Structure formats: C-alpha cells, structure tokens
C-alpha atoms as a PDB file:
ATOM      1  CA  MET A   1      12.523  20.432  -6.830  1.00  0.00           C
ATOM      2  CA  GLU A   2      11.799  17.744  -4.635  1.00  0.00           C
ATOM      3  CA  ARG A   3      14.513  15.517  -4.573  1.00  0.00           C
ATOM      4  CA  ARG A   4      14.280  11.952  -4.139  1.00  0.00           C
ATOM      5  CA  ASN A   5      16.754   8.697  -3.206  1.00  0.00           C
ATOM      6  CA  TYR A   6      15.107   6.757  -5.541  1.00  0.00           C
ATOM      7  CA  PRO A   7      13.170   7.744  -8.217  1.00  0.00           C
ATOM      8  CA  ARG A   8       9.224   6.565  -8.547  1.00  0.00           C
ATOM      9  CA  THR A   9       6.380   4.917 -10.974  1.00  0.00           C
ATOM     10  CA  ASP A  10       3.980   6.774 -11.400  1.00  0.00           C
ATOM     11  CA  GLY A  11       0.538   4.730 -12.521  1.00  0.00           C
ATOM     12  CA  PHE A  12      -2.646   3.335 -11.662  1.00  0.00           C
ATOM     13  CA  ILE A  13      -2.549  -0.031 -11.447  1.00  0.00           C
ATOM     14  CA  PRO A  14      -6.002  -1.490 -10.169  1.00  0.00           C
ATOM     15  CA  ILE A  15      -4.584  -3.752  -6.542  1.00  0.00           C
ATOM     16  CA  GLU A  16      -5.635  -5.965  -3.409  1.00  0.00           C
ATOM     17  CA  PHE A  17      -4.192  -5.174  -1.237  1.00  0.00           C
ATOM     18  CA  GLN A  18      -3.465  -7.034   2.547  1.00  0.00           C
ATOM     19  CA  VAL A  19      -2.255  -4.941   5.931  1.00  0.00           C
ATOM     20  CA  ARG A  20      -1.538  -7.068   8.742  1.00  0.00           C
ATOM     21  CA  HIS A  21      -1.368  -6.484  12.119  1.00  0.00           C
ATOM     22  CA  LEU A  22       2.495  -7.629  13.786  1.00  0.00           C
ATOM     23  CA  GLU A  23       0.574  -8.989  16.868  1.00  0.00           C
ATOM     24  CA  THR A  24      -2.641 -10.435  14.902  1.00  0.00           C
ATOM     25  CA  PRO A  25      -0.322 -11.825  11.302  1.00  0.00           C
ATOM     26  CA  ASP A  26      -3.103 -14.325  10.664  1.00  0.00           C
ATOM     27  CA  GLU A  27      -5.830 -11.707  11.221  1.00  0.00           C
ATOM     28  CA  PRO A  28      -5.237  -9.490   7.488  1.00  0.00           C
ATOM     29  CA  TRP A  29      -7.382  -6.994   6.800  1.00  0.00           C
ATOM     30  CA  ILE A  30      -8.128  -7.111   2.873  1.00  0.00           C
ATOM     31  CA  GLY A  31      -9.406  -4.196   0.913  1.00  0.00           C
ATOM     32  CA  ARG A  32      -9.335  -3.231  -2.951  1.00  0.00           C
ATOM     33  CA  GLY A  33      -7.799   0.013  -4.713  1.00  0.00           C
ATOM     34  CA  VAL A  34      -4.966   1.815  -6.903  1.00  0.00           C
ATOM     35  CA  LEU A  35      -1.827   1.608  -6.764  1.00  0.00           C
ATOM     36  CA  THR A  36      -1.097   5.142  -7.755  1.00  0.00           C
ATOM     37  CA  ASN A  37       2.912   5.709  -6.130  1.00  0.00           C
ATOM     38  CA  LEU A  38       6.255   2.973  -5.518  1.00  0.00           C
ATOM     39  CA  SER A  39       9.377   3.531  -5.351  1.00  0.00           C
ATOM     40  CA  LEU A  40      12.068   1.168  -3.353  1.00  0.00           C
ATOM     41  CA  THR A  41      11.210   3.596  -0.477  1.00  0.00           C
ATOM     42  CA  GLY A  42       7.332   3.753  -0.542  1.00  0.00           C
ATOM     43  CA  ILE A  43       3.885   3.195  -2.071  1.00  0.00           C
ATOM     44  CA  PHE A  44       0.873   5.933  -1.846  1.00  0.00           C
ATOM     45  CA  PHE A  45      -2.614   3.376  -3.057  1.00  0.00           C
ATOM     46  CA  VAL A  46      -6.856   5.223  -3.034  1.00  0.00           C
ATOM     47  CA  PRO A  47      -8.069   2.325  -0.927  1.00  0.00           C
ATOM     48  CA  ASP A  48     -11.810   2.074  -1.688  1.00  0.00           C
ATOM     49  CA  ASP A  49     -12.477   1.084   1.899  1.00  0.00           C
ATOM     50  CA  GLN A  50     -10.425   3.181   4.253  1.00  0.00           C
ATOM     51  CA  PRO A  51      -8.311   0.319   5.663  1.00  0.00           C
ATOM     52  CA  PRO A  52      -8.341   0.719  10.005  1.00  0.00           C
ATOM     53  CA  LEU A  53      -4.636   2.699  10.012  1.00  0.00           C
ATOM     54  CA  LYS A  54      -3.717   5.758  11.251  1.00  0.00           C
ATOM     55  CA  PRO A  55      -0.377   8.135  10.887  1.00  0.00           C
ATOM     56  CA  GLY A  56       2.423   6.140  12.766  1.00  0.00           C
ATOM     57  CA  ASP A  57       0.685   2.883  11.893  1.00  0.00           C
ATOM     58  CA  ILE A  58       3.628   0.114  11.587  1.00  0.00           C
ATOM     59  CA  ARG A  59       2.098  -3.207   9.382  1.00  0.00           C
ATOM     60  CA  ASP A  60       2.862  -5.776   7.012  1.00  0.00           C
ATOM     61  CA  PHE A  61       1.809  -5.137   3.404  1.00  0.00           C
ATOM     62  CA  ILE A  62       0.969  -7.288   0.429  1.00  0.00           C
ATOM     63  CA  PHE A  63       0.023  -5.822  -2.679  1.00  0.00           C
ATOM     64  CA  THR A  64      -1.392  -7.562  -5.256  1.00  0.00           C
ATOM     65  CA  PRO A  65      -2.080  -5.899  -8.908  1.00  0.00           C
ATOM     66  CA  PHE A  66      -5.373  -7.664 -10.371  1.00  0.00           C
ATOM     67  CA  HIS A  67      -3.546  -8.153 -13.442  1.00  0.00           C
ATOM     68  CA  PHE A  68      -2.029 -10.890 -11.748  1.00  0.00           C
ATOM     69  CA  LEU A  69      -4.822 -11.919  -9.424  1.00  0.00           C
ATOM     70  CA  GLU A  70      -7.268 -12.587 -13.260  1.00  0.00           C
ATOM     71  CA  GLU A  71      -4.836 -14.137 -15.212  1.00  0.00           C
ATOM     72  CA  ARG A  72      -3.812 -16.587 -12.046  1.00  0.00           C
ATOM     73  CA  LYS A  73      -0.350 -15.370 -12.047  1.00  0.00           C
ATOM     74  CA  SER A  74       1.862 -14.815  -8.650  1.00  0.00           C
ATOM     75  CA  PHE A  75       3.493 -11.346  -7.991  1.00  0.00           C
ATOM     76  CA  ILE A  76       3.160  -9.792  -4.617  1.00  0.00           C
ATOM     77  CA  ILE A  77       4.630  -6.685  -3.814  1.00  0.00           C
ATOM     78  CA  LYS A  78       5.551  -7.072   0.359  1.00  0.00           C
ATOM     79  CA  ALA A  79       6.637  -4.898   2.533  1.00  0.00           C
ATOM     80  CA  ARG A  80       6.553  -3.472   6.544  1.00  0.00           C
ATOM     81  CA  GLY A  81       5.779  -0.220   6.444  1.00  0.00           C
ATOM     82  CA  LYS A  82       5.090   2.690   8.488  1.00  0.00           C
ATOM     83  CA  VAL A  83       1.934   4.696   7.776  1.00  0.00           C
ATOM     84  CA  MET A  84       3.090   8.220   7.114  1.00  0.00           C
ATOM     85  CA  ARG A  85      -0.841  10.381   6.524  1.00  0.00           C
ATOM     86  CA  ILE A  86      -3.978   9.540   5.169  1.00  0.00           C
ATOM     87  CA  GLU A  87      -5.442  11.911   3.148  1.00  0.00           C
ATOM     88  CA  MET A  88      -8.956  13.194   3.575  1.00  0.00           C
ATOM     89  CA  SER A  89     -11.929  14.445   1.800  1.00  0.00           C
ATOM     90  CA  ASP A  90     -13.764  16.946   3.810  1.00  0.00           C
ATOM     91  CA  ASP A  91     -16.695  14.207   3.212  1.00  0.00           C
ATOM     92  CA  HIS A  92     -14.333  11.970   4.617  1.00  0.00           C
ATOM     93  CA  THR A  93     -13.693   9.774   2.860  1.00  0.00           C
ATOM     94  CA  CYS A  94     -10.300   8.573   2.585  1.00  0.00           C
ATOM     95  CA  LEU A  95      -7.983   9.951  -1.098  1.00  0.00           C
ATOM     96  CA  GLY A  96      -5.285   7.720  -0.292  1.00  0.00           C
ATOM     97  CA  VAL A  97      -2.402   6.379   2.208  1.00  0.00           C
ATOM     98  CA  ALA A  98       1.352   6.818   2.528  1.00  0.00           C
ATOM     99  CA  VAL A  99       3.627   4.116   3.243  1.00  0.00           C
ATOM    100  CA  SER A 100       7.208   4.651   4.070  1.00  0.00           C
ATOM    101  CA  PHE A 101       9.026   0.998   3.776  1.00  0.00           C
ATOM    102  CA  LEU A 102      11.689  -0.920   6.597  1.00  0.00           C
ATOM    103  CA  ALA A 103      11.788  -2.929   5.477  1.00  0.00           C
ATOM    104  CA  GLY A 104      11.650  -4.623   1.661  1.00  0.00           C
ATOM    105  CA  PRO A 105      10.058  -4.360  -0.340  1.00  0.00           C
ATOM    106  CA  TYR A 106      10.332  -7.489  -2.133  1.00  0.00           C
ATOM    107  CA  PHE A 107       8.147  -8.495  -5.027  1.00  0.00           C
ATOM    108  CA  GLY A 108       7.647 -11.828  -6.233  1.00  0.00           C
END
C-alpha cells in the first residue's frame, strides 16, 4: 500500500504553465498541458510540448487552469520545485513531469 503524507487529487485539468529558471526569472518558458495530480507536496502534469527540464532541475513554476484564464479570473498555483522524473514514451514524446515542491504551493 502506498503511503503519503498528504492526500492527492487526481483529475484532468487543462492548464497554462510557466517554468522560470532561478538565474533568469524574467524569461519564463510558457507551455500548455494537463494537470493530472496535485497534493501539498507535489504535482504531475502532462505538457503539450516538452519543457526545457531534466530530473534534478530546481525551478519556479506557475500553473493556471484554463477556465480561470477564459473567465479572466485570477487563480494560480505557484511553487518552487525539483523535477523528480520525466516520463517519456518509446518515440520520445513527453508523457508527464513529476515535480516535488520545495516551497509552496501557494494558491492565489
């Protein structure tokens, strides 16, 4: 049986996300994808295009669900995290990115 410190929420939530390198925070990489798993300790998302990440990278992330973008409402999930793994298919398509939170998440 899998043991977790915090409950996780599974879903299929279309998102826009930003990845900010700590040394160049004013130059974010912006992508779209689907958030499939969220807890207070981490997130798993499936990007439409593979972000410039590798396991071990520490980055600042901002996730915004599409329905908030479309309705022009302000809601984000912001966190500093460590990339734990990137799941790839046999044809090198990114199937998902697992991030463990180091600071946050902050909801706003």
